[in-house]
Amino acid sequence: MSATLSPASTNTLDIDSPYTVTPEQIAYFREQGYIKLKQVLSPEVLAHYGRQISRKVQELNTNTLPMEQRDTYRKAFLQVGNIWTHCAIVKEFVFGKRLARLAAELMGTTGVRMYHDQALYKEASGGHTPWHADQHYWPLATSNCCTAWIPLQAVPMEMGPLSFAKKSHSFKMGRELSISDESERALAKMLRERNFEVDETPFDLGEVSFHYGWTFHRAGNNTTPRPREVMTIIYMDEDMRVAKPENQSQEGDRKGICPDLAFGEIIDTPLTPVMYSNR
């Protein structure tokens, strides 16, 4: 499923104007649990903001062990979150209305807040990203949350593009698994035995995917000599409430993002601003 930029969008650094998404594409996202959309962002946007994102990743990254000394999780990518709080130019990109509006339209919410941003840079010779669901890590009360996966360059198969298990956002088994060798083995087996179809295809320059927090996904190794540079923005319903954490990771996120909120309160904090609302 794909769509194109609005014909009125002529500014090459435009990150705010609407991107036309059809009712069929919205239905696809909600049924399949993900969607890939082409030409969402221009090459100029990706080059301009990508330079700043990469600079901050290099500056803020703490994963410095040699590849052979890392576990599977740390071989998968360099991971840096909430970059928007460290750089005004990255904040400008993350606060762009186009992606936020798309997230709200796809999920059918009146608006979205940011849960956080996160760069995921898979280094040259970086390992695979095991099967997992993002919402395992988030203390959120409903499933109205999604990740925008934004490659800063084209991602061919040998660079490790994201793969999605279609319709897996409604699959309740395996949600307790963190990213690990165990999640790769157990989820691959469960998904295969239940005949989930996997979408494993490259990403063109400017192509962006959105997937629900409970959609199972993975990525292959990066066998190229250059890093796979990807920015992500996690969006949630603007009325999302904090849930009682079910694991240590969710408790860590609660303490980091909304430590002063009681369970059941709307996650309205300085780190979770409303990014788009049609109210």
C-alpha atoms as a PDB file:
ATOM      1  CA  MET A   1       0.000   0.000   0.000  1.00  0.00           C
ATOM      2  CA  SER A   2       1.375   3.422  -0.869  1.00  0.00           C
ATOM      3  CA  ALA A   3       0.334   7.007  -1.374  1.00  0.00           C
ATOM      4  CA  THR A   4       1.858  10.234  -2.609  1.00  0.00           C
ATOM      5  CA  LEU A   5       2.463  13.729  -1.349  1.00  0.00           C
ATOM      6  CA  SER A   6      -0.252  16.301  -1.800  1.00  0.00           C
ATOM      7  CA  PRO A   7       0.270  18.172  -5.103  1.00  0.00           C
ATOM      8  CA  ALA A   8       0.259  21.422  -3.076  1.00  0.00           C
ATOM      9  CA  SER A   9       3.406  20.324  -1.247  1.00  0.00           C
ATOM     10  CA  THR A  10       6.213  22.059  -3.166  1.00  0.00           C
ATOM     11  CA  ASN A  11       8.594  23.120  -0.363  1.00  0.00           C
ATOM     12  CA  THR A  12      11.447  20.580  -0.407  1.00  0.00           C
ATOM     13  CA  LEU A  13      11.905  20.988   3.372  1.00  0.00           C
ATOM     14  CA  ASP A  14       8.183  20.691   4.060  1.00  0.00           C
ATOM     15  CA  ILE A  15       7.459  18.500   7.093  1.00  0.00           C
ATOM     16  CA  ASP A  16       4.062  19.956   7.987  1.00  0.00           C
ATOM     17  CA  SER A  17       1.663  19.815   5.041  1.00  0.00           C
ATOM     18  CA  PRO A  18      -0.810  16.912   4.849  1.00  0.00           C
ATOM     19  CA  TYR A  19       0.054  13.644   3.139  1.00  0.00           C
ATOM     20  CA  THR A  20      -2.996  12.188   1.448  1.00  0.00           C
ATOM     21  CA  VAL A  21      -3.903   8.781   2.836  1.00  0.00           C
ATOM     22  CA  THR A  22      -6.926   6.927   1.452  1.00  0.00           C
ATOM     23  CA  PRO A  23      -9.685   5.086   3.341  1.00  0.00           C
ATOM     24  CA  GLU A  24      -8.320   1.859   1.858  1.00  0.00           C
ATOM     25  CA  GLN A  25      -4.868   2.558   3.295  1.00  0.00           C
ATOM     26  CA  ILE A  26      -6.319   3.381   6.701  1.00  0.00           C
ATOM     27  CA  ALA A  27      -8.267   0.120   6.626  1.00  0.00           C
ATOM     28  CA  TYR A  28      -5.104  -1.743   5.601  1.00  0.00           C
ATOM     29  CA  PHE A  29      -3.165  -0.324   8.550  1.00  0.00           C
ATOM     30  CA  ARG A  30      -5.845  -1.243  11.066  1.00  0.00           C
ATOM     31  CA  GLU A  31      -6.319  -4.739   9.653  1.00  0.00           C
ATOM     32  CA  GLN A  32      -2.679  -5.630   9.003  1.00  0.00           C
ATOM     33  CA  GLY A  33      -1.141  -3.710  11.908  1.00  0.00           C
ATOM     34  CA  TYR A  34       1.287  -1.713   9.771  1.00  0.00           C
ATOM     35  CA  ILE A  35       1.642   0.162   6.494  1.00  0.00           C
ATOM     36  CA  LYS A  36       4.516   1.367   4.308  1.00  0.00           C
ATOM     37  CA  LEU A  37       3.959   4.695   2.529  1.00  0.00           C
ATOM     38  CA  LYS A  38       6.147   6.013  -0.278  1.00  0.00           C
ATOM     39  CA  GLN A  39       7.378   9.592  -0.823  1.00  0.00           C
ATOM     40  CA  VAL A  40       6.356  10.738   2.633  1.00  0.00           C
ATOM     41  CA  LEU A  41       9.478  12.874   3.041  1.00  0.00           C
ATOM     42  CA  SER A  42      11.624  14.482   0.362  1.00  0.00           C
ATOM     43  CA  PRO A  43      15.309  13.625  -0.174  1.00  0.00           C
ATOM     44  CA  GLU A  44      16.110  17.184   0.854  1.00  0.00           C
ATOM     45  CA  VAL A  45      14.276  16.791   4.179  1.00  0.00           C
ATOM     46  CA  LEU A  46      16.057  13.525   4.928  1.00  0.00           C
ATOM     47  CA  ALA A  47      19.474  14.945   4.040  1.00  0.00           C
ATOM     48  CA  HIS A  48      18.978  18.188   5.978  1.00  0.00           C
ATOM     49  CA  TYR A  49      17.642  16.723   9.204  1.00  0.00           C
ATOM     50  CA  GLY A  50      19.534  13.453   8.850  1.00  0.00           C
ATOM     51  CA  ARG A  51      22.858  15.238   9.195  1.00  0.00           C
ATOM     52  CA  GLN A  52      21.821  16.655  12.548  1.00  0.00           C
ATOM     53  CA  ILE A  53      20.318  13.381  13.772  1.00  0.00           C
ATOM     54  CA  SER A  54      23.525  11.519  12.873  1.00  0.00           C
ATOM     55  CA  ARG A  55      25.655  14.133  14.592  1.00  0.00           C
ATOM     56  CA  LYS A  56      23.664  13.790  17.823  1.00  0.00           C
ATOM     57  CA  VAL A  57      23.718   9.982  17.628  1.00  0.00           C
ATOM     58  CA  GLN A  58      27.512  10.074  17.471  1.00  0.00           C
ATOM     59  CA  GLU A  59      27.620  12.531  20.352  1.00  0.00           C
ATOM     60  CA  LEU A  60      25.089  10.820  22.654  1.00  0.00           C
ATOM     61  CA  ASN A  61      25.670   7.138  21.889  1.00  0.00           C
ATOM     62  CA  THR A  62      26.920   5.068  24.833  1.00  0.00           C
ATOM     63  CA  ASN A  63      27.153   1.704  23.039  1.00  0.00           C
ATOM     64  CA  THR A  64      30.907   1.696  22.398  1.00  0.00           C
ATOM     65  CA  LEU A  65      31.929  -1.925  22.996  1.00  0.00           C
ATOM     66  CA  PRO A  66      33.527  -3.755  20.040  1.00  0.00           C
ATOM     67  CA  MET A  67      30.876  -5.690  18.099  1.00  0.00           C
ATOM     68  CA  GLU A  68      32.264  -9.080  19.171  1.00  0.00           C
ATOM     69  CA  GLN A  69      31.797  -8.167  22.857  1.00  0.00           C
ATOM     70  CA  ARG A  70      28.130  -7.161  22.590  1.00  0.00           C
ATOM     71  CA  ASP A  71      25.029  -9.236  23.214  1.00  0.00           C
ATOM     72  CA  THR A  72      22.384  -9.699  20.508  1.00  0.00           C
ATOM     73  CA  TYR A  73      20.423  -6.601  21.550  1.00  0.00           C
ATOM     74  CA  ARG A  74      23.453  -4.305  21.417  1.00  0.00           C
ATOM     75  CA  LYS A  75      24.680  -5.764  18.134  1.00  0.00           C
ATOM     76  CA  ALA A  76      21.341  -4.875  16.545  1.00  0.00           C
ATOM     77  CA  PHE A  77      21.668  -1.084  16.641  1.00  0.00           C
ATOM     78  CA  LEU A  78      22.926   2.053  18.306  1.00  0.00           C
ATOM     79  CA  GLN A  79      19.913   3.394  20.215  1.00  0.00           C
ATOM     80  CA  VAL A  80      19.545   7.029  21.264  1.00  0.00           C
ATOM     81  CA  GLY A  81      16.240   8.433  22.534  1.00  0.00           C
ATOM     82  CA  ASN A  82      14.669  11.831  23.157  1.00  0.00           C
ATOM     83  CA  ILE A  83      17.151  13.482  20.810  1.00  0.00           C
ATOM     84  CA  TRP A  84      14.690  16.355  20.409  1.00  0.00           C
ATOM     85  CA  THR A  85      15.577  17.519  23.916  1.00  0.00           C
ATOM     86  CA  HIS A  86      19.234  17.941  22.886  1.00  0.00           C
ATOM     87  CA  CYS A  87      18.999  19.682  19.505  1.00  0.00           C
ATOM     88  CA  ALA A  88      16.692  22.409  18.193  1.00  0.00           C
ATOM     89  CA  ILE A  89      16.976  21.217  14.581  1.00  0.00           C
ATOM     90  CA  VAL A  90      16.076  17.635  15.512  1.00  0.00           C
ATOM     91  CA  LYS A  91      13.187  18.998  17.595  1.00  0.00           C
ATOM     92  CA  GLU A  92      11.951  20.855  14.501  1.00  0.00           C
ATOM     93  CA  PHE A  93      11.908  17.584  12.565  1.00  0.00           C
ATOM     94  CA  VAL A  94      10.304  15.513  15.313  1.00  0.00           C
ATOM     95  CA  PHE A  95       7.581  18.135  15.817  1.00  0.00           C
ATOM     96  CA  GLY A  96       6.673  18.100  12.116  1.00  0.00           C
ATOM     97  CA  LYS A  97       2.909  17.857  11.606  1.00  0.00           C
ATOM     98  CA  ARG A  98       2.907  15.547   8.575  1.00  0.00           C
ATOM     99  CA  LEU A  99       3.965  12.400  10.398  1.00  0.00           C
ATOM    100  CA  ALA A 100       1.910  13.194  13.495  1.00  0.00           C
ATOM    101  CA  ARG A 101      -1.225  13.810  11.432  1.00  0.00           C
ATOM    102  CA  LEU A 102      -0.656  10.533   9.591  1.00  0.00           C
ATOM    103  CA  ALA A 103      -0.365   8.648  12.880  1.00  0.00           C
ATOM    104  CA  ALA A 104      -3.646  10.124  14.118  1.00  0.00           C
ATOM    105  CA  GLU A 105      -5.457   9.395  10.856  1.00  0.00           C
ATOM    106  CA  LEU A 106      -4.197   5.829  10.668  1.00  0.00           C
ATOM    107  CA  MET A 107      -5.163   5.046  14.272  1.00  0.00           C
ATOM    108  CA  GLY A 108      -8.421   6.999  14.158  1.00  0.00           C
ATOM    109  CA  THR A 109      -7.655   9.229  17.127  1.00  0.00           C
ATOM    110  CA  THR A 110      -8.468  12.938  17.479  1.00  0.00           C
ATOM    111  CA  GLY A 111      -4.784  13.615  17.957  1.00  0.00           C
ATOM    112  CA  VAL A 112      -1.465  12.207  19.104  1.00  0.00           C
ATOM    113  CA  ARG A 113       1.161  12.911  21.710  1.00  0.00           C
ATOM    114  CA  MET A 114       4.794  11.966  21.385  1.00  0.00           C
ATOM    115  CA  TYR A 115       5.829   9.065  23.592  1.00  0.00           C
ATOM    116  CA  HIS A 116       9.456   9.594  22.590  1.00  0.00           C
ATOM    117  CA  ASP A 117      11.764   9.758  19.589  1.00  0.00           C
ATOM    118  CA  GLN A 118      14.538   7.233  19.057  1.00  0.00           C
ATOM    119  CA  ALA A 119      17.360   6.827  16.559  1.00  0.00           C
ATOM    120  CA  LEU A 120      18.142   3.224  15.603  1.00  0.00           C
ATOM    121  CA  TYR A 121      21.418   3.052  13.704  1.00  0.00           C
ATOM    122  CA  LYS A 122      22.397  -0.437  12.572  1.00  0.00           C
ATOM    123  CA  GLU A 123      26.138  -0.254  12.087  1.00  0.00           C
ATOM    124  CA  ALA A 124      28.068  -1.817   9.232  1.00  0.00           C
ATOM    125  CA  SER A 125      28.231  -5.542  10.110  1.00  0.00           C
ATOM    126  CA  GLY A 126      25.500  -4.944  12.698  1.00  0.00           C
ATOM    127  CA  GLY A 127      23.447  -7.954  13.740  1.00  0.00           C
ATOM    128  CA  HIS A 128      19.788  -8.806  13.278  1.00  0.00           C
ATOM    129  CA  THR A 129      17.013  -7.238  15.346  1.00  0.00           C
ATOM    130  CA  PRO A 130      15.054 -10.124  16.911  1.00  0.00           C
ATOM    131  CA  TRP A 131      11.290 -10.478  16.691  1.00  0.00           C
ATOM    132  CA  HIS A 132       9.540  -8.292  19.258  1.00  0.00           C
ATOM    133  CA  ALA A 133       6.631  -5.920  19.907  1.00  0.00           C
ATOM    134  CA  ASP A 134       7.429  -2.360  20.972  1.00  0.00           C
ATOM    135  CA  GLN A 135       4.554  -2.020  23.421  1.00  0.00           C
ATOM    136  CA  HIS A 136       6.157  -4.645  25.651  1.00  0.00           C
ATOM    137  CA  TYR A 137       8.278  -1.722  26.871  1.00  0.00           C
ATOM    138  CA  TRP A 138       5.543   0.891  27.327  1.00  0.00           C
ATOM    139  CA  PRO A 139       3.117   1.325  30.296  1.00  0.00           C
ATOM    140  CA  LEU A 140       0.199   2.376  28.096  1.00  0.00           C
ATOM    141  CA  ALA A 141      -3.460   1.673  28.832  1.00  0.00           C
ATOM    142  CA  THR A 142      -4.649   1.044  25.242  1.00  0.00           C
ATOM    143  CA  SER A 143      -3.239  -0.143  21.923  1.00  0.00           C
ATOM    144  CA  ASN A 144      -3.660   3.275  20.262  1.00  0.00           C
ATOM    145  CA  CYS A 145       0.059   3.854  19.824  1.00  0.00           C
ATOM    146  CA  CYS A 146       2.342   3.397  16.853  1.00  0.00           C
ATOM    147  CA  THR A 147       5.918   3.770  15.680  1.00  0.00           C
ATOM    148  CA  ALA A 148       6.862   5.800  12.618  1.00  0.00           C
ATOM    149  CA  TRP A 149      10.010   4.145  11.187  1.00  0.00           C
ATOM    150  CA  ILE A 150      11.844   6.743   9.122  1.00  0.00           C
ATOM    151  CA  PRO A 151      14.904   5.611   7.133  1.00  0.00           C
ATOM    152  CA  LEU A 152      17.269   8.472   6.375  1.00  0.00           C
ATOM    153  CA  GLN A 153      18.429   6.653   3.229  1.00  0.00           C
ATOM    154  CA  ALA A 154      17.086   3.885   1.017  1.00  0.00           C
ATOM    155  CA  VAL A 155      17.228   0.525   2.825  1.00  0.00           C
ATOM    156  CA  PRO A 156      17.920  -2.451   0.525  1.00  0.00           C
ATOM    157  CA  MET A 157      17.531  -5.990   1.821  1.00  0.00           C
ATOM    158  CA  GLU A 158      21.232  -6.336   2.647  1.00  0.00           C
ATOM    159  CA  MET A 159      20.995  -3.339   4.995  1.00  0.00           C
ATOM    160  CA  GLY A 160      18.327  -4.883   7.244  1.00  0.00           C
ATOM    161  CA  PRO A 161      14.931  -3.253   6.548  1.00  0.00           C
ATOM    162  CA  LEU A 162      12.082  -3.715   9.009  1.00  0.00           C
ATOM    163  CA  SER A 163       9.909  -6.813   8.477  1.00  0.00           C
ATOM    164  CA  PHE A 164       6.335  -7.120   9.745  1.00  0.00           C
ATOM    165  CA  ALA A 165       4.200 -10.110  10.695  1.00  0.00           C
ATOM    166  CA  LYS A 166       0.865  -9.223   9.140  1.00  0.00           C
ATOM    167  CA  LYS A 167      -2.113  -9.026  11.529  1.00  0.00           C
ATOM    168  CA  SER A 168       0.113  -9.904  14.491  1.00  0.00           C
ATOM    169  CA  HIS A 169      -1.052  -6.877  16.495  1.00  0.00           C
ATOM    170  CA  SER A 170      -4.039  -8.989  17.576  1.00  0.00           C
ATOM    171  CA  PHE A 171      -1.860 -11.978  18.555  1.00  0.00           C
ATOM    172  CA  LYS A 172      -1.628 -12.099  22.363  1.00  0.00           C
ATOM    173  CA  MET A 173       1.074 -14.741  22.744  1.00  0.00           C
ATOM    174  CA  GLY A 174       4.720 -13.710  23.100  1.00  0.00           C
ATOM    175  CA  ARG A 175       4.005 -10.207  24.327  1.00  0.00           C
ATOM    176  CA  GLU A 176       5.974 -10.858  27.507  1.00  0.00           C
ATOM    177  CA  LEU A 177       9.238 -11.317  25.564  1.00  0.00           C
ATOM    178  CA  SER A 178      11.930  -8.639  25.468  1.00  0.00           C
ATOM    179  CA  ILE A 179      14.225  -8.305  22.433  1.00  0.00           C
ATOM    180  CA  SER A 180      16.594 -11.236  22.776  1.00  0.00           C
ATOM    181  CA  ASP A 181      17.736 -14.525  21.299  1.00  0.00           C
ATOM    182  CA  GLU A 182      14.775 -16.074  23.099  1.00  0.00           C
ATOM    183  CA  SER A 183      12.270 -13.717  21.453  1.00  0.00           C
ATOM    184  CA  GLU A 184      13.761 -14.469  18.036  1.00  0.00           C
ATOM    185  CA  ARG A 185      13.447 -18.241  18.508  1.00  0.00           C
ATOM    186  CA  ALA A 186      10.109 -18.332  20.295  1.00  0.00           C
ATOM    187  CA  LEU A 187       8.287 -15.761  18.187  1.00  0.00           C
ATOM    188  CA  ALA A 188       9.638 -17.085  14.880  1.00  0.00           C
ATOM    189  CA  LYS A 189       8.276 -20.501  15.855  1.00  0.00           C
ATOM    190  CA  MET A 190       4.897 -19.183  17.041  1.00  0.00           C
ATOM    191  CA  LEU A 191       4.373 -16.952  14.022  1.00  0.00           C
ATOM    192  CA  ARG A 192       5.399 -19.706  11.598  1.00  0.00           C
ATOM    193  CA  GLU A 193       3.175 -22.339  13.224  1.00  0.00           C
ATOM    194  CA  ARG A 194       0.189 -19.992  13.027  1.00  0.00           C
ATOM    195  CA  ASN A 195       0.890 -19.067   9.399  1.00  0.00           C
ATOM    196  CA  PHE A 196       1.428 -15.349   9.851  1.00  0.00           C
ATOM    197  CA  GLU A 197       2.522 -13.831   6.550  1.00  0.00           C
ATOM    198  CA  VAL A 198       5.698 -11.741   6.789  1.00  0.00           C
ATOM    199  CA  ASP A 199       6.275  -8.580   4.742  1.00  0.00           C
ATOM    200  CA  GLU A 200      10.037  -8.351   4.246  1.00  0.00           C
ATOM    201  CA  THR A 201      10.755  -5.805   1.535  1.00  0.00           C
ATOM    202  CA  PRO A 202      13.223  -2.932   1.024  1.00  0.00           C
ATOM    203  CA  PHE A 203      12.450   0.732   1.705  1.00  0.00           C
ATOM    204  CA  ASP A 204      12.811   3.371  -0.991  1.00  0.00           C
ATOM    205  CA  LEU A 205      14.241   6.788  -0.179  1.00  0.00           C
ATOM    206  CA  GLY A 206      11.415   8.788   1.402  1.00  0.00           C
ATOM    207  CA  GLU A 207       9.374   5.708   2.326  1.00  0.00           C
ATOM    208  CA  VAL A 208       8.103   5.587   5.916  1.00  0.00           C
ATOM    209  CA  SER A 209       6.312   2.813   7.763  1.00  0.00           C
ATOM    210  CA  PHE A 210       3.897   2.942  10.675  1.00  0.00           C
ATOM    211  CA  HIS A 211       3.170  -0.038  12.899  1.00  0.00           C
ATOM    212  CA  TYR A 212       1.052  -0.559  15.994  1.00  0.00           C
ATOM    213  CA  GLY A 213       2.814  -1.063  19.298  1.00  0.00           C
ATOM    214  CA  TRP A 214       1.755  -4.725  19.423  1.00  0.00           C
ATOM    215  CA  THR A 215       2.704  -5.568  15.827  1.00  0.00           C
ATOM    216  CA  PHE A 216       5.545  -8.090  15.839  1.00  0.00           C
ATOM    217  CA  HIS A 217       8.509  -7.090  13.679  1.00  0.00           C
ATOM    218  CA  ARG A 218      12.209  -7.760  13.166  1.00  0.00           C
ATOM    219  CA  ALA A 219      15.104  -6.713  10.919  1.00  0.00           C
ATOM    220  CA  GLY A 220      17.967  -8.582   9.296  1.00  0.00           C
ATOM    221  CA  ASN A 221      21.717  -8.005   9.536  1.00  0.00           C
ATOM    222  CA  ASN A 222      23.392  -5.046   7.888  1.00  0.00           C
ATOM    223  CA  THR A 223      25.923  -6.639   5.569  1.00  0.00           C
ATOM    224  CA  THR A 224      26.845  -3.386   3.802  1.00  0.00           C
ATOM    225  CA  PRO A 225      29.870  -1.179   4.630  1.00  0.00           C
ATOM    226  CA  ARG A 226      27.703   1.762   5.718  1.00  0.00           C
ATOM    227  CA  PRO A 227      25.309   2.170   8.660  1.00  0.00           C
ATOM    228  CA  ARG A 228      21.559   1.819   8.288  1.00  0.00           C
ATOM    229  CA  GLU A 229      20.430   5.189   9.649  1.00  0.00           C
ATOM    230  CA  VAL A 230      16.849   5.257  10.917  1.00  0.00           C
ATOM    231  CA  MET A 231      14.929   7.752  13.039  1.00  0.00           C
ATOM    232  CA  THR A 232      11.732   6.720  14.796  1.00  0.00           C
ATOM    233  CA  ILE A 233       8.949   8.664  16.457  1.00  0.00           C
ATOM    234  CA  ILE A 234       6.534   6.879  18.763  1.00  0.00           C
ATOM    235  CA  TYR A 235       3.053   8.389  18.835  1.00  0.00           C
ATOM    236  CA  MET A 236       0.189   7.676  21.221  1.00  0.00           C
ATOM    237  CA  ASP A 237      -3.431   8.761  21.479  1.00  0.00           C
ATOM    238  CA  GLU A 238      -3.541  12.281  22.904  1.00  0.00           C
ATOM    239  CA  ASP A 239      -5.832  10.864  25.623  1.00  0.00           C
ATOM    240  CA  MET A 240      -3.552   7.914  26.441  1.00  0.00           C
ATOM    241  CA  ARG A 241      -3.460   7.008  30.117  1.00  0.00           C
ATOM    242  CA  VAL A 242      -0.647   5.448  32.077  1.00  0.00           C
ATOM    243  CA  ALA A 243      -1.143   1.783  32.956  1.00  0.00           C
ATOM    244  CA  LYS A 244       0.281  -0.112  35.889  1.00  0.00           C
ATOM    245  CA  PRO A 245       3.655  -1.454  34.649  1.00  0.00           C
ATOM    246  CA  GLU A 246       3.754  -5.173  33.894  1.00  0.00           C
ATOM    247  CA  ASN A 247       7.531  -5.540  33.714  1.00  0.00           C
ATOM    248  CA  GLN A 248      10.754  -3.796  34.710  1.00  0.00           C
ATOM    249  CA  SER A 249      11.094  -2.022  31.356  1.00  0.00           C
ATOM    250  CA  GLN A 250       7.637  -0.478  31.653  1.00  0.00           C
ATOM    251  CA  GLU A 251       8.428   0.643  35.192  1.00  0.00           C
ATOM    252  CA  GLY A 252      11.634   2.257  33.936  1.00  0.00           C
ATOM    253  CA  ASP A 253       9.709   4.129  31.249  1.00  0.00           C
ATOM    254  CA  ARG A 254       7.078   5.243  33.761  1.00  0.00           C
ATOM    255  CA  LYS A 255       9.754   6.662  36.055  1.00  0.00           C
ATOM    256  CA  GLY A 256      11.485   8.380  33.142  1.00  0.00           C
ATOM    257  CA  ILE A 257       8.445   9.847  31.398  1.00  0.00           C
ATOM    258  CA  CYS A 258       5.600  10.266  33.890  1.00  0.00           C
ATOM    259  CA  PRO A 259       6.839   9.558  37.445  1.00  0.00           C
ATOM    260  CA  ASP A 260       4.342  11.890  39.119  1.00  0.00           C
ATOM    261  CA  LEU A 261       1.203  10.533  37.459  1.00  0.00           C
ATOM    262  CA  ALA A 262      -1.194   8.130  39.145  1.00  0.00           C
ATOM    263  CA  PHE A 263      -2.227   5.048  37.215  1.00  0.00           C
ATOM    264  CA  GLY A 264      -5.119   5.957  34.918  1.00  0.00           C
ATOM    265  CA  GLU A 265      -4.127   9.580  34.418  1.00  0.00           C
ATOM    266  CA  ILE A 266      -3.562  11.045  30.930  1.00  0.00           C
ATOM    267  CA  ILE A 267       0.146  11.046  30.078  1.00  0.00           C
ATOM    268  CA  ASP A 268       0.410  14.818  29.841  1.00  0.00           C
ATOM    269  CA  THR A 269       3.997  15.743  30.753  1.00  0.00           C
ATOM    270  CA  PRO A 270       6.724  18.014  29.359  1.00  0.00           C
ATOM    271  CA  LEU A 271       8.191  14.976  27.568  1.00  0.00           C
ATOM    272  CA  THR A 272       4.863  13.964  25.958  1.00  0.00           C
ATOM    273  CA  PRO A 273       3.511  17.051  24.164  1.00  0.00           C
ATOM    274  CA  VAL A 274       0.540  16.936  21.810  1.00  0.00           C
ATOM    275  CA  MET A 275       2.032  16.758  18.310  1.00  0.00           C
ATOM    276  CA  TYR A 276      -1.215  17.047  16.334  1.00  0.00           C
ATOM    277  CA  SER A 277      -4.886  17.442  17.264  1.00  0.00           C
ATOM    278  CA  ASN A 278      -8.013  18.103  15.230  1.00  0.00           C
ATOM    279  CA  ARG A 279     -10.130  19.080  18.226  1.00  0.00           C
END
